């Protein structure tokens, strides 16, 4: 039997250590093709490029792995992978990451990592976004690799439905201290933001976004709780943003 075809992408850029760790796991499970941004694209969400041309360049970043760097966003990478690089080939799984930093709770909305995986999901491809709770470029991904493989193997299984998306976050812990996997819901949390104002050398104002992550949800079935208690959080996610209870509450007649 032929090996599954696995598309690997990210939002931290094709040379980020996180994507290298993900490629190392993916190549053990299938034939891997990488299409990733040529520069960091964190916080781009589901942005796509429509006013500028997109460029693809074949690069030798991962030994023995076909890899392309893209001038666009993470979502652009998935679109080009499906329609150009892997045209007429069935993608069995798209994995995005491993992101440097958390994408738990509301962060999924802003995340380029998860948006790339979600784009694959929209195309009917099984997809996973992986993130490690360590923002450092020198983050150590070794402890999470066995868990990443376990989750990928599960999703590649014949019984897992096509087009489904998982948001996976890994705590910053030694492997021996990771307590396991929790399938959970997205916590009700948000960013309380502010802009720090400064002046450039021309005395023109500029603004730098900062803020604090505030968790309003103290349930023990959330991704934030799981991560704070040493578990890997797995949130089955959707692109349907309909507020279904509100359908019965809102009336205009």
Protein backbone atom coordinates (compact mmCIF):
# COMPACT_ATOMS: atom_id res chain seq x y z
CA UNK A 1 0.00 0.00 0.00
CA UNK A 2 1.18 3.53 -0.77
CA UNK A 3 2.07 5.80 2.10
CA UNK A 4 -0.31 8.64 3.02
CA UNK A 5 0.51 12.04 1.56
CA UNK A 6 1.08 14.57 4.35
CA UNK A 7 1.19 18.32 3.71
CA UNK A 8 3.18 20.27 6.31
CA UNK A 9 2.89 24.03 6.75
CA UNK A 10 3.13 26.67 9.50
CA UNK A 11 3.02 30.40 10.24
CA UNK A 12 6.46 30.90 11.82
CA UNK A 13 8.27 30.47 8.50
CA UNK A 14 9.87 27.55 6.73
CA UNK A 15 13.14 27.72 8.71
CA UNK A 16 11.48 27.79 12.17
CA UNK A 17 12.53 24.95 14.51
CA UNK A 18 8.88 24.02 15.10
CA UNK A 19 8.20 23.00 11.51
CA UNK A 20 11.43 21.01 11.43
CA UNK A 21 10.21 19.01 14.44
CA UNK A 22 6.86 18.42 12.74
CA UNK A 23 8.53 17.25 9.54
CA UNK A 24 10.67 14.82 11.53
CA UNK A 25 7.54 13.17 12.90
CA UNK A 26 5.50 13.33 9.68
CA UNK A 27 8.20 11.65 7.58
CA UNK A 28 7.92 8.57 9.82
CA UNK A 29 4.26 8.21 8.86
CA UNK A 30 4.01 9.12 5.18
CA UNK A 31 5.28 10.95 2.13
CA UNK A 32 5.82 14.57 3.13
CA UNK A 33 5.59 17.77 1.13
CA UNK A 34 6.23 21.13 2.80
CA UNK A 35 4.70 24.41 1.60
CA UNK A 36 5.34 27.16 4.15
CA UNK A 37 5.80 30.94 4.32
CA UNK A 38 9.17 32.43 3.47
CA UNK A 39 8.95 34.68 6.55
CA UNK A 40 7.04 34.74 9.88
CA UNK A 41 3.28 35.18 9.48
CA UNK A 42 2.03 34.96 13.07
CA UNK A 43 -1.33 36.56 13.77
CA UNK A 44 -2.38 36.61 10.11
CA UNK A 45 -5.45 34.49 10.82
CA UNK A 46 -7.27 33.43 7.65
CA UNK A 47 -5.84 36.22 5.52
CA UNK A 48 -5.28 35.56 1.81
CA UNK A 49 -3.32 37.49 -0.80
CA UNK A 50 -5.47 38.96 -3.58
CA UNK A 51 -3.76 42.20 -4.66
CA UNK A 52 -0.21 40.93 -5.16
CA UNK A 53 1.24 37.98 -7.07
CA UNK A 54 2.22 34.92 -5.08
CA UNK A 55 5.59 33.30 -5.55
CA UNK A 56 6.72 29.74 -4.90
CA UNK A 57 10.36 28.73 -4.64
CA UNK A 58 11.66 25.17 -4.39
CA UNK A 59 14.09 25.00 -1.45
CA UNK A 60 16.39 22.40 0.08
CA UNK A 61 15.58 22.92 3.75
CA UNK A 62 14.74 19.38 4.86
CA UNK A 63 16.96 16.53 3.69
CA UNK A 64 15.09 14.26 1.30
CA UNK A 65 11.82 16.22 1.59
CA UNK A 66 10.17 18.21 -1.19
CA UNK A 67 9.79 21.74 0.17
CA UNK A 68 8.51 25.04 -1.19
CA UNK A 69 8.60 28.48 0.37
CA UNK A 70 5.73 30.82 -0.40
CA UNK A 71 5.63 34.61 -0.38
CA UNK A 72 2.09 34.65 1.00
CA UNK A 73 0.16 33.80 4.15
CA UNK A 74 -0.29 30.36 5.73
CA UNK A 75 -3.67 30.01 4.04
CA UNK A 76 -2.09 30.95 0.70
CA UNK A 77 0.38 28.11 1.29
CA UNK A 78 -2.39 25.53 1.66
CA UNK A 79 -4.25 26.84 -1.39
CA UNK A 80 -1.13 26.73 -3.54
CA UNK A 81 -0.23 23.30 -2.20
CA UNK A 82 -3.59 21.88 -3.22
CA UNK A 83 -4.03 23.62 -6.56
CA UNK A 84 -0.45 23.96 -7.82
CA UNK A 85 2.19 21.89 -6.01
CA UNK A 86 0.02 18.81 -5.39
CA UNK A 87 -2.49 19.28 -8.19
CA UNK A 88 -4.37 16.05 -8.97
CA UNK A 89 -2.91 14.34 -5.87
CA UNK A 90 -5.01 13.41 -2.84
CA UNK A 91 -3.72 14.97 0.40
CA UNK A 92 -4.44 12.57 3.24
CA UNK A 93 -3.48 14.90 6.08
CA UNK A 94 -2.45 18.52 6.57
CA UNK A 95 -0.48 19.36 9.71
CA UNK A 96 0.43 22.91 10.66
CA UNK A 97 3.05 23.99 13.21
CA UNK A 98 4.53 23.22 15.54
CA UNK A 99 3.76 26.79 16.51
CA UNK A 100 6.03 28.65 18.89
CA UNK A 101 3.43 29.72 21.46
CA UNK A 102 -0.10 28.92 22.59
CA UNK A 103 -3.09 28.75 20.29
CA UNK A 104 -5.54 27.73 23.00
CA UNK A 105 -8.95 29.31 23.47
CA UNK A 106 -9.70 32.46 21.45
CA UNK A 107 -6.21 32.45 19.94
CA UNK A 108 -7.52 30.10 17.26
CA UNK A 109 -9.21 33.12 15.64
CA UNK A 110 -5.96 35.03 15.20
CA UNK A 111 -3.67 32.10 14.53
CA UNK A 112 -2.08 31.61 11.13
CA UNK A 113 -1.15 28.09 12.26
CA UNK A 114 -4.75 27.07 12.85
CA UNK A 115 -6.08 29.00 9.87
CA UNK A 116 -3.82 27.00 7.56
CA UNK A 117 -5.17 23.78 9.06
CA UNK A 118 -8.71 25.12 8.84
CA UNK A 119 -8.26 25.92 5.14
CA UNK A 120 -7.31 22.29 4.57
CA UNK A 121 -10.37 21.26 6.56
CA UNK A 122 -12.55 23.41 4.30
CA UNK A 123 -11.17 21.42 1.38
CA UNK A 124 -12.21 18.15 3.01
CA UNK A 125 -8.71 17.25 4.21
CA UNK A 126 -8.04 15.85 7.67
CA UNK A 127 -6.08 18.53 9.48
CA UNK A 128 -4.30 19.31 12.75
CA UNK A 129 -2.78 22.48 14.12
CA UNK A 130 -0.01 21.87 16.66
CA UNK A 131 1.32 24.46 19.14
CA UNK A 132 3.83 24.38 21.99
CA UNK A 133 3.45 26.78 24.92
CA UNK A 134 6.93 28.24 24.42
CA UNK A 135 7.40 31.41 22.37
CA UNK A 136 11.19 31.12 22.23
CA UNK A 137 12.87 30.48 18.89
CA UNK A 138 15.07 28.02 20.81
CA UNK A 139 12.05 26.11 22.15
CA UNK A 140 12.62 22.39 22.79
CA UNK A 141 10.08 20.28 20.88
CA UNK A 142 11.45 16.85 21.81
CA UNK A 143 9.06 16.17 24.70
CA UNK A 144 6.03 16.69 22.48
CA UNK A 145 7.13 14.57 19.52
CA UNK A 146 5.81 11.19 20.77
CA UNK A 147 2.42 12.80 21.44
CA UNK A 148 2.40 14.54 18.06
CA UNK A 149 3.00 11.18 16.40
CA UNK A 150 0.27 9.50 18.44
CA UNK A 151 -2.29 12.15 17.45
CA UNK A 152 -1.27 12.07 13.79
CA UNK A 153 -1.56 8.27 13.70
CA UNK A 154 -5.05 8.50 15.16
CA UNK A 155 -6.20 11.07 12.61
CA UNK A 156 -4.70 9.09 9.73
CA UNK A 157 -6.77 6.08 10.79
CA UNK A 158 -9.53 4.93 8.49
CA UNK A 159 -12.30 5.67 10.98
CA UNK A 160 -11.42 9.35 11.43
CA UNK A 161 -13.71 11.51 9.24
CA UNK A 162 -12.29 13.56 6.38
CA UNK A 163 -12.36 17.33 6.77
CA UNK A 164 -12.16 17.35 10.55
CA UNK A 165 -9.86 19.79 12.35
CA UNK A 166 -8.06 19.40 15.67
CA UNK A 167 -6.48 22.25 17.62
CA UNK A 168 -3.67 20.67 19.66
CA UNK A 169 -1.68 22.54 22.30
CA UNK A 170 1.27 21.06 24.20
CA UNK A 171 2.38 22.34 27.64
CA UNK A 172 5.99 23.39 28.14
CA UNK A 173 7.02 20.42 30.26
CA UNK A 174 9.53 17.56 30.20
CA UNK A 175 8.11 14.44 28.55
CA UNK A 176 7.87 12.59 31.88
CA UNK A 177 5.70 15.38 33.34
CA UNK A 178 3.12 15.47 30.54
CA UNK A 179 0.12 13.73 32.10
CA UNK A 180 -1.62 12.70 28.88
CA UNK A 181 -4.16 14.02 26.39
CA UNK A 182 -7.45 15.72 27.21
CA UNK A 183 -10.13 16.15 24.53
CA UNK A 184 -11.80 19.35 25.62
CA UNK A 185 -13.68 22.48 24.65
CA UNK A 186 -12.31 25.91 23.89
CA UNK A 187 -12.13 28.07 27.01
CA UNK A 188 -14.13 31.30 27.20
CA UNK A 189 -11.21 33.73 27.37
CA UNK A 190 -10.08 36.90 25.64
CA UNK A 191 -7.27 39.40 25.25
CA UNK A 192 -7.54 42.70 27.13
CA UNK A 193 -5.51 44.92 24.86
CA UNK A 194 -3.85 48.30 24.88
CA UNK A 195 -1.58 50.21 22.53
CA UNK A 196 1.69 51.68 23.68
CA UNK A 197 2.34 54.95 21.86
CA UNK A 198 5.80 56.05 20.81
CA UNK A 199 7.51 58.48 18.44
CA UNK A 200 9.70 57.60 15.49
CA UNK A 201 12.86 59.57 14.51
CA UNK A 202 10.62 61.94 12.49
CA UNK A 203 8.53 62.58 15.61
CA UNK A 204 5.55 60.81 14.05
CA UNK A 205 3.44 58.65 16.40
CA UNK A 206 3.39 54.88 16.20
CA UNK A 207 1.47 52.29 18.21
CA UNK A 208 2.61 48.91 19.55
CA UNK A 209 -0.04 46.35 20.47
CA UNK A 210 0.23 44.71 23.89
CA UNK A 211 -2.20 43.16 26.33
CA UNK A 212 -3.06 40.41 28.80
CA UNK A 213 -4.78 37.07 28.25
CA UNK A 214 -7.76 36.82 30.63
CA UNK A 215 -9.50 33.50 31.22
CA UNK A 216 -13.12 33.92 32.33
CA UNK A 217 -13.78 30.18 32.21
CA UNK A 218 -12.97 28.03 35.24
CA UNK A 219 -14.42 24.79 33.90
CA UNK A 220 -12.24 21.71 34.16
CA UNK A 221 -13.24 20.61 30.65
CA UNK A 222 -11.43 23.43 28.81
CA UNK A 223 -8.16 23.61 26.92
CA UNK A 224 -6.76 26.25 29.27
CA UNK A 225 -7.46 24.06 32.31
CA UNK A 226 -5.88 21.03 30.64
CA UNK A 227 -2.71 22.92 29.79
CA UNK A 228 -2.42 24.47 33.26
CA UNK A 229 -2.68 20.98 34.72
CA UNK A 230 -0.05 19.30 32.60
CA UNK A 231 -2.19 17.81 29.83
CA UNK A 232 -2.04 18.17 26.07
CA UNK A 233 -5.29 19.80 24.98
CA UNK A 234 -7.13 18.58 21.88
CA UNK A 235 -10.08 20.70 20.77
CA UNK A 236 -12.19 19.47 17.82
CA UNK A 237 -12.80 22.71 15.94
CA UNK A 238 -15.17 23.92 13.22
CA UNK A 239 -15.45 26.72 10.69
CA UNK A 240 -19.21 27.10 11.22
CA UNK A 241 -19.48 30.23 13.41
CA UNK A 242 -23.28 30.14 13.72
CA UNK A 243 -24.60 30.83 17.22
CA UNK A 244 -27.26 28.11 17.13
CA UNK A 245 -29.03 28.95 20.44
CA UNK A 246 -29.47 32.53 19.19
CA UNK A 247 -31.42 31.28 16.15
CA UNK A 248 -34.36 30.63 18.47
CA UNK A 249 -33.94 33.86 20.44
CA UNK A 250 -33.70 36.51 17.73
CA UNK A 251 -36.96 37.61 16.07
CA UNK A 252 -37.69 40.52 13.75
CA UNK A 253 -41.42 39.99 13.27
